Amino acid sequence: MCAVRSARTGTPCSGSPIGKRHYRVKLGDVLEAHEQSLEAFGGLPGICNLDSILGAIGRPYHGYDLAIHAGDRIDDVVVDVVTGAMSQSALETWFCARLSKLDD
């Protein structure tokens, strides 16, 4: 069973663990996060491009671990990206600071 739980409902997310340290995000997880974002910040319901979402969550892990810490405000990063307050290069820098190569 997946140890990742929905922040809103406390129920296990639909994704599945990959190995010991990874979690594969499923479409239901993305849609729930979108719903939570709409409830918290407002916006229009619906998905503009489902294929882009499916492509993003379908990318394989390539031996890297993304370390997200309690102080990291993921919601702020998402809002900054969506509103254009964070550039692509700034987002790349944010991810690079948190990525580490896994031991083979």
PDB file of N, CA and C in Angstrom:
ATOM      1  N   MET A   1       0.841  -1.179   0.000  1.00  0.00           N
ATOM      2  CA  MET A   1       0.000   0.000   0.000  1.00  0.00           C
ATOM      3  C   MET A   1       0.883   1.237   0.000  1.00  0.00           C
ATOM      4  N   CYS A   2       0.409   2.273  -0.647  1.00  0.00           N
ATOM      5  CA  CYS A   2       1.120   3.534  -0.752  1.00  0.00           C
ATOM      6  C   CYS A   2       1.064   4.295   0.562  1.00  0.00           C
ATOM      7  N   ALA A   3       2.197   4.817   0.999  1.00  0.00           N
ATOM      8  CA  ALA A   3       2.253   5.545   2.260  1.00  0.00           C
ATOM      9  C   ALA A   3       1.889   7.022   2.092  1.00  0.00           C
ATOM     10  N   VAL A   4       1.788   7.484   0.839  1.00  0.00           N
ATOM     11  CA  VAL A   4       1.454   8.880   0.597  1.00  0.00           C
ATOM     12  C   VAL A   4      -0.043   9.056   0.762  1.00  0.00           C
ATOM     13  N   ARG A   5      -0.439  10.088   1.520  1.00  0.00           N
ATOM     14  CA  ARG A   5      -1.859  10.315   1.789  1.00  0.00           C
ATOM     15  C   ARG A   5      -2.268  11.703   1.337  1.00  0.00           C
ATOM     16  N   SER A   6      -3.516  11.818   0.971  1.00  0.00           N
ATOM     17  CA  SER A   6      -4.087  13.098   0.594  1.00  0.00           C
ATOM     18  C   SER A   6      -4.064  14.033   1.793  1.00  0.00           C
ATOM     19  N   ALA A   7      -3.599  15.256   1.582  1.00  0.00           N
ATOM     20  CA  ALA A   7      -3.574  16.238   2.664  1.00  0.00           C
ATOM     21  C   ALA A   7      -4.995  16.642   3.061  1.00  0.00           C
ATOM     22  N   ARG A   8      -5.905  16.594   2.109  1.00  0.00           N
ATOM     23  CA  ARG A   8      -7.271  17.044   2.372  1.00  0.00           C
ATOM     24  C   ARG A   8      -8.104  15.982   3.051  1.00  0.00           C
ATOM     25  N   THR A   9      -8.029  14.744   2.549  1.00  0.00           N
ATOM     26  CA  THR A   9      -8.917  13.696   3.061  1.00  0.00           C
ATOM     27  C   THR A   9      -8.232  12.716   3.985  1.00  0.00           C
ATOM     28  N   GLY A  10      -6.889  12.640   3.924  1.00  0.00           N
ATOM     29  CA  GLY A  10      -6.157  11.684   4.741  1.00  0.00           C
ATOM     30  C   GLY A  10      -6.175  10.275   4.175  1.00  0.00           C
ATOM     31  N   THR A  11      -6.806  10.082   3.028  1.00  0.00           N
ATOM     32  CA  THR A  11      -6.866   8.754   2.418  1.00  0.00           C
ATOM     33  C   THR A  11      -5.639   8.533   1.548  1.00  0.00           C
ATOM     34  N   PRO A  12      -5.256   7.267   1.356  1.00  0.00           N
ATOM     35  CA  PRO A  12      -4.100   6.999   0.504  1.00  0.00           C
ATOM     36  C   PRO A  12      -4.319   7.514  -0.912  1.00  0.00           C
ATOM     37  N   CYS A  13      -3.274   8.078  -1.500  1.00  0.00           N
ATOM     38  CA  CYS A  13      -3.356   8.528  -2.883  1.00  0.00           C
ATOM     39  C   CYS A  13      -3.368   7.321  -3.807  1.00  0.00           C
ATOM     40  N   SER A  14      -3.804   7.549  -5.041  1.00  0.00           N
ATOM     41  CA  SER A  14      -3.948   6.429  -5.966  1.00  0.00           C
ATOM     42  C   SER A  14      -2.629   6.004  -6.592  1.00  0.00           C
ATOM     43  N   GLY A  15      -1.575   6.782  -6.402  1.00  0.00           N
ATOM     44  CA  GLY A  15      -0.280   6.443  -6.976  1.00  0.00           C
ATOM     45  C   GLY A  15       0.315   5.207  -6.342  1.00  0.00           C
ATOM     46  N   SER A  16       1.433   4.795  -6.877  1.00  0.00           N
ATOM     47  CA  SER A  16       2.053   3.585  -6.359  1.00  0.00           C
ATOM     48  C   SER A  16       3.532   3.820  -6.104  1.00  0.00           C
ATOM     49  N   PRO A  17       4.096   3.121  -5.117  1.00  0.00           N
ATOM     50  CA  PRO A  17       5.520   3.302  -4.839  1.00  0.00           C
ATOM     51  C   PRO A  17       6.362   2.685  -5.946  1.00  0.00           C
ATOM     52  N   ILE A  18       7.500   3.316  -6.218  1.00  0.00           N
ATOM     53  CA  ILE A  18       8.459   2.790  -7.174  1.00  0.00           C
ATOM     54  C   ILE A  18       9.735   2.569  -6.396  1.00  0.00           C
ATOM     55  N   GLY A  19      10.102   1.347  -6.183  1.00  0.00           N
ATOM     56  CA  GLY A  19      11.293   1.075  -5.391  1.00  0.00           C
ATOM     57  C   GLY A  19      11.102   1.522  -3.960  1.00  0.00           C
ATOM     58  N   LYS A  20      12.190   1.920  -3.305  1.00  0.00           N
ATOM     59  CA  LYS A  20      12.128   2.278  -1.890  1.00  0.00           C
ATOM     60  C   LYS A  20      11.851   3.757  -1.653  1.00  0.00           C
ATOM     61  N   ARG A  21      12.184   4.620  -2.622  1.00  0.00           N
ATOM     62  CA  ARG A  21      12.154   6.046  -2.333  1.00  0.00           C
ATOM     63  C   ARG A  21      11.283   6.863  -3.270  1.00  0.00           C
ATOM     64  N   HIS A  22      10.652   6.263  -4.239  1.00  0.00           N
ATOM     65  CA  HIS A  22       9.906   7.026  -5.228  1.00  0.00           C
ATOM     66  C   HIS A  22       8.427   6.716  -5.173  1.00  0.00           C
ATOM     67  N   TYR A  23       7.671   7.643  -5.671  1.00  0.00           N
ATOM     68  CA  TYR A  23       6.226   7.528  -5.720  1.00  0.00           C
ATOM     69  C   TYR A  23       5.788   7.936  -7.111  1.00  0.00           C
ATOM     70  N   ARG A  24       5.047   7.111  -7.777  1.00  0.00           N
ATOM     71  CA  ARG A  24       4.559   7.441  -9.111  1.00  0.00           C
ATOM     72  C   ARG A  24       3.208   8.144  -8.980  1.00  0.00           C
ATOM     73  N   VAL A  25       3.160   9.366  -9.444  1.00  0.00           N
ATOM     74  CA  VAL A  25       1.940  10.161  -9.382  1.00  0.00           C
ATOM     75  C   VAL A  25       0.965   9.666 -10.440  1.00  0.00           C
ATOM     76  N   LYS A  26      -0.276   9.508 -10.044  1.00  0.00           N
ATOM     77  CA  LYS A  26      -1.334   9.081 -10.956  1.00  0.00           C
ATOM     78  C   LYS A  26      -2.205  10.283 -11.313  1.00  0.00           C
ATOM     79  N   LEU A  27      -2.987  10.152 -12.372  1.00  0.00           N
ATOM     80  CA  LEU A  27      -3.842  11.232 -12.826  1.00  0.00           C
ATOM     81  C   LEU A  27      -4.792  11.686 -11.714  1.00  0.00           C
ATOM     82  N   GLY A  28      -5.329  10.761 -10.946  1.00  0.00           N
ATOM     83  CA  GLY A  28      -6.229  11.121  -9.848  1.00  0.00           C
ATOM     84  C   GLY A  28      -5.569  12.027  -8.823  1.00  0.00           C
ATOM     85  N   ASP A  29      -4.269  11.809  -8.559  1.00  0.00           N
ATOM     86  CA  ASP A  29      -3.529  12.667  -7.626  1.00  0.00           C
ATOM     87  C   ASP A  29      -3.428  14.091  -8.174  1.00  0.00           C
ATOM     88  N   VAL A  30      -3.136  14.197  -9.466  1.00  0.00           N
ATOM     89  CA  VAL A  30      -3.008  15.509 -10.097  1.00  0.00           C
ATOM     90  C   VAL A  30      -4.344  16.239 -10.075  1.00  0.00           C
ATOM     91  N   LEU A  31      -5.411  15.525 -10.413  1.00  0.00           N
ATOM     92  CA  LEU A  31      -6.730  16.151 -10.433  1.00  0.00           C
ATOM     93  C   LEU A  31      -7.169  16.586  -9.034  1.00  0.00           C
ATOM     94  N   GLU A  32      -6.831  15.803  -8.015  1.00  0.00           N
ATOM     95  CA  GLU A  32      -7.150  16.183  -6.637  1.00  0.00           C
ATOM     96  C   GLU A  32      -6.357  17.425  -6.229  1.00  0.00           C
ATOM     97  N   ALA A  33      -5.085  17.464  -6.598  1.00  0.00           N
ATOM     98  CA  ALA A  33      -4.266  18.645  -6.284  1.00  0.00           C
ATOM     99  C   ALA A  33      -4.831  19.882  -6.980  1.00  0.00           C
ATOM    100  N   HIS A  34      -5.288  19.708  -8.215  1.00  0.00           N
ATOM    101  CA  HIS A  34      -5.889  20.813  -8.961  1.00  0.00           C
ATOM    102  C   HIS A  34      -7.156  21.301  -8.259  1.00  0.00           C
ATOM    103  N   GLU A  35      -7.980  20.376  -7.826  1.00  0.00           N
ATOM    104  CA  GLU A  35      -9.208  20.727  -7.108  1.00  0.00           C
ATOM    105  C   GLU A  35      -8.887  21.492  -5.818  1.00  0.00           C
ATOM    106  N   GLN A  36      -7.884  21.021  -5.082  1.00  0.00           N
ATOM    107  CA  GLN A  36      -7.485  21.692  -3.849  1.00  0.00           C
ATOM    108  C   GLN A  36      -6.977  23.101  -4.137  1.00  0.00           C
ATOM    109  N   SER A  37      -6.231  23.248  -5.222  1.00  0.00           N
ATOM    110  CA  SER A  37      -5.713  24.552  -5.602  1.00  0.00           C
ATOM    111  C   SER A  37      -6.849  25.506  -5.959  1.00  0.00           C
ATOM    112  N   LEU A  38      -7.840  25.000  -6.678  1.00  0.00           N
ATOM    113  CA  LEU A  38      -8.997  25.834  -7.022  1.00  0.00           C
ATOM    114  C   LEU A  38      -9.754  26.271  -5.778  1.00  0.00           C
ATOM    115  N   GLU A  39      -9.910  25.350  -4.838  1.00  0.00           N
ATOM    116  CA  GLU A  39     -10.613  25.685  -3.591  1.00  0.00           C
ATOM    117  C   GLU A  39      -9.845  26.734  -2.784  1.00  0.00           C
ATOM    118  N   ALA A  40      -8.537  26.615  -2.775  1.00  0.00           N
ATOM    119  CA  ALA A  40      -7.714  27.510  -1.965  1.00  0.00           C
ATOM    120  C   ALA A  40      -7.493  28.873  -2.622  1.00  0.00           C
ATOM    121  N   PHE A  41      -7.305  28.887  -3.950  1.00  0.00           N
ATOM    122  CA  PHE A  41      -6.890  30.118  -4.622  1.00  0.00           C
ATOM    123  C   PHE A  41      -7.879  30.632  -5.659  1.00  0.00           C
ATOM    124  N   GLY A  42      -8.903  29.829  -5.975  1.00  0.00           N
ATOM    125  CA  GLY A  42      -9.852  30.224  -7.012  1.00  0.00           C
ATOM    126  C   GLY A  42      -9.333  29.865  -8.387  1.00  0.00           C
ATOM    127  N   GLY A  43     -10.114  30.165  -9.383  1.00  0.00           N
ATOM    128  CA  GLY A  43      -9.737  29.871 -10.754  1.00  0.00           C
ATOM    129  C   GLY A  43     -10.845  29.115 -11.447  1.00  0.00           C
ATOM    130  N   LEU A  44     -10.634  28.847 -12.710  1.00  0.00           N
ATOM    131  CA  LEU A  44     -11.634  28.163 -13.516  1.00  0.00           C
ATOM    132  C   LEU A  44     -11.463  26.652 -13.426  1.00  0.00           C
ATOM    133  N   PRO A  45     -12.553  25.930 -13.294  1.00  0.00           N
ATOM    134  CA  PRO A  45     -12.451  24.467 -13.267  1.00  0.00           C
ATOM    135  C   PRO A  45     -12.120  23.940 -14.664  1.00  0.00           C
ATOM    136  N   GLY A  46     -11.660  22.730 -14.698  1.00  0.00           N
ATOM    137  CA  GLY A  46     -11.368  22.095 -15.978  1.00  0.00           C
ATOM    138  C   GLY A  46      -9.880  22.013 -16.256  1.00  0.00           C
ATOM    139  N   ILE A  47      -9.559  21.230 -17.252  1.00  0.00           N
ATOM    140  CA  ILE A  47      -8.171  21.001 -17.655  1.00  0.00           C
ATOM    141  C   ILE A  47      -8.016  21.472 -19.099  1.00  0.00           C
ATOM    142  N   CYS A  48      -7.026  22.325 -19.335  1.00  0.00           N
ATOM    143  CA  CYS A  48      -6.817  22.853 -20.689  1.00  0.00           C
ATOM    144  C   CYS A  48      -6.204  21.813 -21.622  1.00  0.00           C
ATOM    145  N   ASN A  49      -5.240  21.031 -21.114  1.00  0.00           N
ATOM    146  CA  ASN A  49      -4.540  20.099 -21.983  1.00  0.00           C
ATOM    147  C   ASN A  49      -4.204  18.825 -21.208  1.00  0.00           C
ATOM    148  N   LEU A  50      -5.097  17.867 -21.271  1.00  0.00           N
ATOM    149  CA  LEU A  50      -4.922  16.607 -20.553  1.00  0.00           C
ATOM    150  C   LEU A  50      -3.692  15.849 -21.045  1.00  0.00           C
ATOM    151  N   ASP A  51      -3.398  15.936 -22.340  1.00  0.00           N
ATOM    152  CA  ASP A  51      -2.225  15.233 -22.870  1.00  0.00           C
ATOM    153  C   ASP A  51      -0.930  15.726 -22.237  1.00  0.00           C
ATOM    154  N   SER A  52      -0.839  17.025 -21.948  1.00  0.00           N
ATOM    155  CA  SER A  52       0.368  17.559 -21.297  1.00  0.00           C
ATOM    156  C   SER A  52       0.526  16.993 -19.896  1.00  0.00           C
ATOM    157  N   ILE A  53      -0.590  16.881 -19.179  1.00  0.00           N
ATOM    158  CA  ILE A  53      -0.538  16.319 -17.826  1.00  0.00           C
ATOM    159  C   ILE A  53      -0.117  14.861 -17.882  1.00  0.00           C
ATOM    160  N   LEU A  54      -0.728  14.105 -18.775  1.00  0.00           N
ATOM    161  CA  LEU A  54      -0.393  12.683 -18.890  1.00  0.00           C
ATOM    162  C   LEU A  54       1.066  12.494 -19.291  1.00  0.00           C
ATOM    163  N   GLY A  55       1.565  13.357 -20.168  1.00  0.00           N
ATOM    164  CA  GLY A  55       2.965  13.278 -20.574  1.00  0.00           C
ATOM    165  C   GLY A  55       3.905  13.589 -19.417  1.00  0.00           C
ATOM    166  N   ALA A  56       3.539  14.584 -18.623  1.00  0.00           N
ATOM    167  CA  ALA A  56       4.396  14.976 -17.491  1.00  0.00           C
ATOM    168  C   ALA A  56       4.450  13.884 -16.433  1.00  0.00           C
ATOM    169  N   ILE A  57       3.315  13.286 -16.108  1.00  0.00           N
ATOM    170  CA  ILE A  57       3.335  12.263 -15.060  1.00  0.00           C
ATOM    171  C   ILE A  57       3.823  10.920 -15.583  1.00  0.00           C
ATOM    172  N   GLY A  58       3.905  10.772 -16.894  1.00  0.00           N
ATOM    173  CA  GLY A  58       4.376   9.524 -17.472  1.00  0.00           C
ATOM    174  C   GLY A  58       5.873   9.452 -17.665  1.00  0.00           C
ATOM    175  N   ARG A  59       6.571  10.557 -17.387  1.00  0.00           N
ATOM    176  CA  ARG A  59       8.031  10.560 -17.553  1.00  0.00           C
ATOM    177  C   ARG A  59       8.671   9.643 -16.533  1.00  0.00           C
ATOM    178  N   PRO A  60       9.608   8.838 -16.976  1.00  0.00           N
ATOM    179  CA  PRO A  60      10.258   7.922 -16.027  1.00  0.00           C
ATOM    180  C   PRO A  60      11.275   8.643 -15.145  1.00  0.00           C
ATOM    181  N   TYR A  61      11.522   8.050 -14.003  1.00  0.00           N
ATOM    182  CA  TYR A  61      12.605   8.523 -13.148  1.00  0.00           C
ATOM    183  C   TYR A  61      13.906   8.028 -13.753  1.00  0.00           C
ATOM    184  N   HIS A  62      14.930   8.856 -13.711  1.00  0.00           N
ATOM    185  CA  HIS A  62      16.214   8.475 -14.294  1.00  0.00           C
ATOM    186  C   HIS A  62      17.307   8.476 -13.245  1.00  0.00           C
ATOM    187  N   GLY A  63      17.047   7.838 -12.109  1.00  0.00           N
ATOM    188  CA  GLY A  63      18.077   7.695 -11.104  1.00  0.00           C
ATOM    189  C   GLY A  63      18.315   8.924 -10.253  1.00  0.00           C
ATOM    190  N   TYR A  64      17.321   9.790 -10.152  1.00  0.00           N
ATOM    191  CA  TYR A  64      17.445  10.982  -9.323  1.00  0.00           C
ATOM    192  C   TYR A  64      16.388  10.971  -8.232  1.00  0.00           C
ATOM    193  N   ASP A  65      16.714  11.628  -7.124  1.00  0.00           N
ATOM    194  CA  ASP A  65      15.776  11.774  -6.024  1.00  0.00           C
ATOM    195  C   ASP A  65      15.511  13.264  -5.844  1.00  0.00           C
ATOM    196  N   LEU A  66      14.252  13.615  -5.655  1.00  0.00           N
ATOM    197  CA  LEU A  66      13.877  14.995  -5.419  1.00  0.00           C
ATOM    198  C   LEU A  66      13.580  15.162  -3.936  1.00  0.00           C
ATOM    199  N   ALA A  67      14.426  15.906  -3.257  1.00  0.00           N
ATOM    200  CA  ALA A  67      14.278  16.105  -1.816  1.00  0.00           C
ATOM    201  C   ALA A  67      13.450  17.353  -1.565  1.00  0.00           C
ATOM    202  N   ILE A  68      12.220  17.151  -1.136  1.00  0.00           N
ATOM    203  CA  ILE A  68      11.339  18.256  -0.773  1.00  0.00           C
ATOM    204  C   ILE A  68      11.273  18.289   0.748  1.00  0.00           C
ATOM    205  N   HIS A  69      11.596  19.420   1.318  1.00  0.00           N
ATOM    206  CA  HIS A  69      11.639  19.555   2.767  1.00  0.00           C
ATOM    207  C   HIS A  69      10.409  20.283   3.282  1.00  0.00           C
ATOM    208  N   ALA A  70      10.145  20.170   4.570  1.00  0.00           N
ATOM    209  CA  ALA A  70       8.958  20.772   5.173  1.00  0.00           C
ATOM    210  C   ALA A  70       8.888  22.275   4.924  1.00  0.00           C
ATOM    211  N   GLY A  71      10.017  22.947   4.866  1.00  0.00           N
ATOM    212  CA  GLY A  71      10.028  24.393   4.643  1.00  0.00           C
ATOM    213  C   GLY A  71       9.801  24.803   3.202  1.00  0.00           C
ATOM    214  N   ASP A  72       9.880  23.861   2.275  1.00  0.00           N
ATOM    215  CA  ASP A  72       9.660  24.160   0.861  1.00  0.00           C
ATOM    216  C   ASP A  72       8.176  24.406   0.624  1.00  0.00           C
ATOM    217  N   ARG A  73       7.842  25.559   0.121  1.00  0.00           N
ATOM    218  CA  ARG A  73       6.454  25.910  -0.124  1.00  0.00           C
ATOM    219  C   ARG A  73       6.092  25.553  -1.560  1.00  0.00           C
ATOM    220  N   ILE A  74       5.735  24.300  -1.779  1.00  0.00           N
ATOM    221  CA  ILE A  74       5.407  23.815  -3.111  1.00  0.00           C
ATOM    222  C   ILE A  74       4.256  24.613  -3.701  1.00  0.00           C
ATOM    223  N   ASP A  75       3.248  24.918  -2.892  1.00  0.00           N
ATOM    224  CA  ASP A  75       2.108  25.673  -3.399  1.00  0.00           C
ATOM    225  C   ASP A  75       2.540  27.045  -3.916  1.00  0.00           C
ATOM    226  N   ASP A  76       3.484  27.687  -3.221  1.00  0.00           N
ATOM    227  CA  ASP A  76       3.983  28.984  -3.684  1.00  0.00           C
ATOM    228  C   ASP A  76       4.735  28.844  -5.001  1.00  0.00           C
ATOM    229  N   VAL A  77       5.516  27.779  -5.133  1.00  0.00           N
ATOM    230  CA  VAL A  77       6.252  27.544  -6.375  1.00  0.00           C
ATOM    231  C   VAL A  77       5.271  27.345  -7.529  1.00  0.00           C
ATOM    232  N   VAL A  78       4.251  26.529  -7.316  1.00  0.00           N
ATOM    233  CA  VAL A  78       3.257  26.277  -8.373  1.00  0.00           C
ATOM    234  C   VAL A  78       2.563  27.570  -8.775  1.00  0.00           C
ATOM    235  N   VAL A  79       2.126  28.345  -7.796  1.00  0.00           N
ATOM    236  CA  VAL A  79       1.446  29.611  -8.091  1.00  0.00           C
ATOM    237  C   VAL A  79       2.393  30.556  -8.832  1.00  0.00           C
ATOM    238  N   ASP A  80       3.650  30.646  -8.396  1.00  0.00           N
ATOM    239  CA  ASP A  80       4.615  31.511  -9.066  1.00  0.00           C
ATOM    240  C   ASP A  80       4.846  31.101 -10.515  1.00  0.00           C
ATOM    241  N   VAL A  81       4.889  29.810 -10.774  1.00  0.00           N
ATOM    242  CA  VAL A  81       5.069  29.328 -12.151  1.00  0.00           C
ATOM    243  C   VAL A  81       3.843  29.674 -12.986  1.00  0.00           C
ATOM    244  N   VAL A  82       2.665  29.386 -12.448  1.00  0.00           N
ATOM    245  CA  VAL A  82       1.423  29.618 -13.191  1.00  0.00           C
ATOM    246  C   VAL A  82       1.210  31.095 -13.487  1.00  0.00           C
ATOM    247  N   THR A  83       1.526  31.953 -12.539  1.00  0.00           N
ATOM    248  CA  THR A  83       1.309  33.389 -12.731  1.00  0.00           C
ATOM    249  C   THR A  83       2.443  34.061 -13.504  1.00  0.00           C
ATOM    250  N   GLY A  84       3.516  33.329 -13.747  1.00  0.00           N
ATOM    251  CA  GLY A  84       4.644  33.893 -14.476  1.00  0.00           C
ATOM    252  C   GLY A  84       5.645  34.613 -13.585  1.00  0.00           C
ATOM    253  N   ALA A  85       5.429  34.570 -12.265  1.00  0.00           N
ATOM    254  CA  ALA A  85       6.355  35.216 -11.339  1.00  0.00           C
ATOM    255  C   ALA A  85       7.672  34.456 -11.235  1.00  0.00           C
ATOM    256  N   MET A  86       7.672  33.168 -11.592  1.00  0.00           N
ATOM    257  CA  MET A  86       8.900  32.368 -11.591  1.00  0.00           C
ATOM    258  C   MET A  86       9.183  31.954 -13.034  1.00  0.00           C
ATOM    259  N   SER A  87      10.361  32.301 -13.505  1.00  0.00           N
ATOM    260  CA  SER A  87      10.756  31.959 -14.871  1.00  0.00           C
ATOM    261  C   SER A  87      11.135  30.478 -14.963  1.00  0.00           C
ATOM    262  N   GLN A  88      11.263  30.008 -16.187  1.00  0.00           N
ATOM    263  CA  GLN A  88      11.676  28.621 -16.380  1.00  0.00           C
ATOM    264  C   GLN A  88      13.073  28.393 -15.816  1.00  0.00           C
ATOM    265  N   SER A  89      13.961  29.354 -16.000  1.00  0.00           N
ATOM    266  CA  SER A  89      15.317  29.175 -15.472  1.00  0.00           C
ATOM    267  C   SER A  89      15.321  29.183 -13.945  1.00  0.00           C
ATOM    268  N   ALA A  90      14.456  29.991 -13.320  1.00  0.00           N
ATOM    269  CA  ALA A  90      14.364  29.992 -11.857  1.00  0.00           C
ATOM    270  C   ALA A  90      13.787  28.672 -11.354  1.00  0.00           C
ATOM    271  N   LEU A  91      12.814  28.128 -12.074  1.00  0.00           N
ATOM    272  CA  LEU A  91      12.249  26.829 -11.700  1.00  0.00           C
ATOM    273  C   LEU A  91      13.309  25.738 -11.843  1.00  0.00           C
ATOM    274  N   GLU A  92      14.091  25.811 -12.907  1.00  0.00           N
ATOM    275  CA  GLU A  92      15.179  24.848 -13.096  1.00  0.00           C
ATOM    276  C   GLU A  92      16.171  24.929 -11.938  1.00  0.00           C
ATOM    277  N   THR A  93      16.518  26.130 -11.535  1.00  0.00           N
ATOM    278  CA  THR A  93      17.422  26.312 -10.401  1.00  0.00           C
ATOM    279  C   THR A  93      16.832  25.726  -9.131  1.00  0.00           C
ATOM    280  N   TRP A  94      15.530  25.945  -8.914  1.00  0.00           N
ATOM    281  CA  TRP A  94      14.834  25.419  -7.732  1.00  0.00           C
ATOM    282  C   TRP A  94      14.917  23.898  -7.702  1.00  0.00           C
ATOM    283  N   PHE A  95      14.635  23.260  -8.847  1.00  0.00           N
ATOM    284  CA  PHE A  95      14.709  21.798  -8.901  1.00  0.00           C
ATOM    285  C   PHE A  95      16.141  21.295  -8.743  1.00  0.00           C
ATOM    286  N   CYS A  96      17.081  21.929  -9.426  1.00  0.00           N
ATOM    287  CA  CYS A  96      18.478  21.479  -9.349  1.00  0.00           C
ATOM    288  C   CYS A  96      19.013  21.522  -7.922  1.00  0.00           C
ATOM    289  N   ALA A  97      18.557  22.486  -7.139  1.00  0.00           N
ATOM    290  CA  ALA A  97      19.004  22.578  -5.749  1.00  0.00           C
ATOM    291  C   ALA A  97      18.462  21.433  -4.906  1.00  0.00           C
ATOM    292  N   ARG A  98      17.444  20.758  -5.392  1.00  0.00           N
ATOM    293  CA  ARG A  98      16.794  19.696  -4.612  1.00  0.00           C
ATOM    294  C   ARG A  98      16.993  18.300  -5.201  1.00  0.00           C
ATOM    295  N   LEU A  99      17.594  18.202  -6.375  1.00  0.00           N
ATOM    296  CA  LEU A  99      17.804  16.911  -7.002  1.00  0.00           C
ATOM    297  C   LEU A  99      19.158  16.331  -6.608  1.00  0.00           C
ATOM    298  N   SER A 100      19.188  15.042  -6.417  1.00  0.00           N
ATOM    299  CA  SER A 100      20.450  14.359  -6.179  1.00  0.00           C
ATOM    300  C   SER A 100      20.434  13.033  -6.912  1.00  0.00           C
ATOM    301  N   LYS A 101      21.597  12.630  -7.413  1.00  0.00           N
ATOM    302  CA  LYS A 101      21.740  11.376  -8.146  1.00  0.00           C
ATOM    303  C   LYS A 101      21.696  10.226  -7.161  1.00  0.00           C
ATOM    304  N   LEU A 102      20.875   9.232  -7.462  1.00  0.00           N
ATOM    305  CA  LEU A 102      20.804   8.046  -6.615  1.00  0.00           C
ATOM    306  C   LEU A 102      21.971   7.140  -6.890  1.00  0.00           C
ATOM    307  N   ASP A 103      22.399   6.404  -5.883  1.00  0.00           N
ATOM    308  CA  ASP A 103      23.449   5.419  -6.062  1.00  0.00           C
ATOM    309  C   ASP A 103      22.892   4.268  -6.881  1.00  0.00           C
ATOM    310  N   ASP A 104      23.708   3.765  -7.801  1.00  0.00           N
ATOM    311  CA  ASP A 104      23.265   2.631  -8.634  1.00  0.00           C
ATOM    312  C   ASP A 104      23.351   1.327  -7.917  1.00  0.00           C
TER     313      ASP A 104
END
